Amino acid sequence: DESKRKKSVSIDELKEELGIEGLSMIDDEKRYEAIDMLNRIKEAIRLKKLPHQEGLLLQLHFFDGLPLSEVSSFMNLSINNVNQIKHRAINRLKEIFRIM
């Protein structure tokens, strides 16, 4: 479905996955923090700080807006494998953000 593909990144979903609290879109300072977080994720993908599959999955799911079922089909992986890769990618991002 084309409408699913045009979905923008869900900051709420990302902050939940990364365990980041307090990113209310009402507060400008928090909004800038959320934008910074998204930029750091994009930079981590661009600099290949994540394995290829993890970066591709994050790009397709969070930034291109594909549901995990479509990511699974695109990557030719089972939905369980996609969920495992997503979990590893989120944990790796948490570690990268602790270092940054």
Protein backbone atom coordinates (compact mmCIF):
# COMPACT_ATOMS: atom_id res chain seq x y z
CA ASP A 1 0.00 0.00 0.00
CA GLU A 2 1.46 3.36 -1.11
CA SER A 3 0.19 5.25 1.97
CA LYS A 4 2.30 3.00 4.21
CA ARG A 5 5.44 3.83 2.25
CA LYS A 6 4.99 7.58 2.60
CA LYS A 7 4.79 7.41 6.40
CA SER A 8 7.42 9.60 8.01
CA VAL A 9 9.68 8.37 10.77
CA SER A 10 7.85 7.87 14.03
CA ILE A 11 9.80 9.70 16.71
CA ASP A 12 7.58 8.13 19.37
CA GLU A 13 8.41 4.67 18.08
CA LEU A 14 12.13 5.46 17.95
CA LYS A 15 12.24 6.95 21.44
CA GLU A 16 10.34 3.94 22.78
CA GLU A 17 12.73 1.54 21.04
CA LEU A 18 15.79 3.45 22.28
CA GLY A 19 14.40 3.92 25.77
CA ILE A 20 14.63 7.69 25.58
CA GLU A 21 12.10 9.47 27.74
CA GLY A 22 10.76 13.01 27.71
CA LEU A 23 10.85 13.81 24.00
CA SER A 24 7.58 15.72 24.05
CA MET A 25 6.88 17.48 20.78
CA ILE A 26 5.44 20.43 22.72
CA ASP A 27 8.80 21.54 24.07
CA ASP A 28 11.14 23.09 21.44
CA GLU A 29 14.23 21.92 23.30
CA LYS A 30 12.92 18.35 23.29
CA ARG A 31 12.05 18.67 19.61
CA TYR A 32 15.64 19.62 18.83
CA GLU A 33 16.81 16.65 20.89
CA ALA A 34 14.58 14.37 18.83
CA ILE A 35 15.87 15.82 15.57
CA ASP A 36 19.43 15.42 16.83
CA MET A 37 18.71 11.79 17.72
CA LEU A 38 17.36 11.12 14.22
CA ASN A 39 20.39 12.79 12.67
CA ARG A 40 22.73 10.68 14.81
CA ILE A 41 20.91 7.53 13.70
CA LYS A 42 21.21 8.59 10.05
CA GLU A 43 24.89 9.38 10.60
CA ALA A 44 25.50 5.99 12.22
CA ILE A 45 23.90 4.33 9.19
CA ARG A 46 25.85 6.52 6.75
CA LEU A 47 29.18 5.89 8.49
CA LYS A 48 28.43 2.17 8.55
CA LYS A 49 28.69 1.97 12.34
CA LEU A 50 26.00 -0.67 12.05
CA PRO A 51 26.23 -3.91 10.10
CA HIS A 52 24.65 -3.60 6.65
CA GLN A 53 21.48 -5.56 7.49
CA GLU A 54 20.85 -3.51 10.63
CA GLY A 55 21.35 -0.19 8.86
CA LEU A 56 19.17 -1.25 5.94
CA LEU A 57 16.41 -2.43 8.27
CA LEU A 58 16.43 0.84 10.24
CA GLN A 59 16.43 2.86 7.02
CA LEU A 60 13.55 0.93 5.50
CA HIS A 61 11.43 0.76 8.64
CA PHE A 62 11.96 4.07 10.44
CA PHE A 63 12.94 6.46 7.66
CA ASP A 64 11.17 5.01 4.61
CA GLY A 65 8.14 3.97 6.67
CA LEU A 66 7.86 0.34 5.56
CA PRO A 67 6.09 -1.96 7.99
CA LEU A 68 8.23 -4.82 9.26
CA SER A 69 6.28 -7.30 7.13
CA GLU A 70 7.36 -5.43 3.97
CA VAL A 71 10.93 -5.10 5.26
CA SER A 72 10.87 -8.86 5.75
CA SER A 73 9.80 -9.43 2.15
CA PHE A 74 12.27 -6.89 0.77
CA MET A 75 15.20 -8.40 2.70
CA ASN A 76 14.01 -11.95 1.97
CA LEU A 77 14.03 -12.80 5.68
CA SER A 78 11.41 -14.19 8.03
CA ILE A 79 9.59 -11.71 10.22
CA ASN A 80 11.27 -13.33 13.24
CA ASN A 81 14.71 -12.67 11.75
CA VAL A 82 13.75 -9.08 10.98
CA ASN A 83 12.63 -8.58 14.58
CA GLN A 84 15.91 -10.05 15.86
CA ILE A 85 17.95 -7.79 13.58
CA LYS A 86 15.89 -4.78 14.66
CA HIS A 87 16.47 -5.64 18.32
CA ARG A 88 20.24 -5.96 17.75
CA ALA A 89 20.30 -2.68 15.82
CA ILE A 90 18.47 -0.82 18.59
CA ASN A 91 20.86 -2.21 21.21
CA ARG A 92 23.85 -1.26 19.06
CA LEU A 93 22.48 2.28 18.65
CA LYS A 94 22.06 2.59 22.41
CA GLU A 95 25.73 1.63 22.81
CA ILE A 96 26.82 4.07 20.08
CA PHE A 97 24.87 6.88 21.75
CA ARG A 98 26.53 6.18 25.09
CA ILE A 99 29.90 6.67 23.42
CA MET A 100 28.92 9.80 21.44
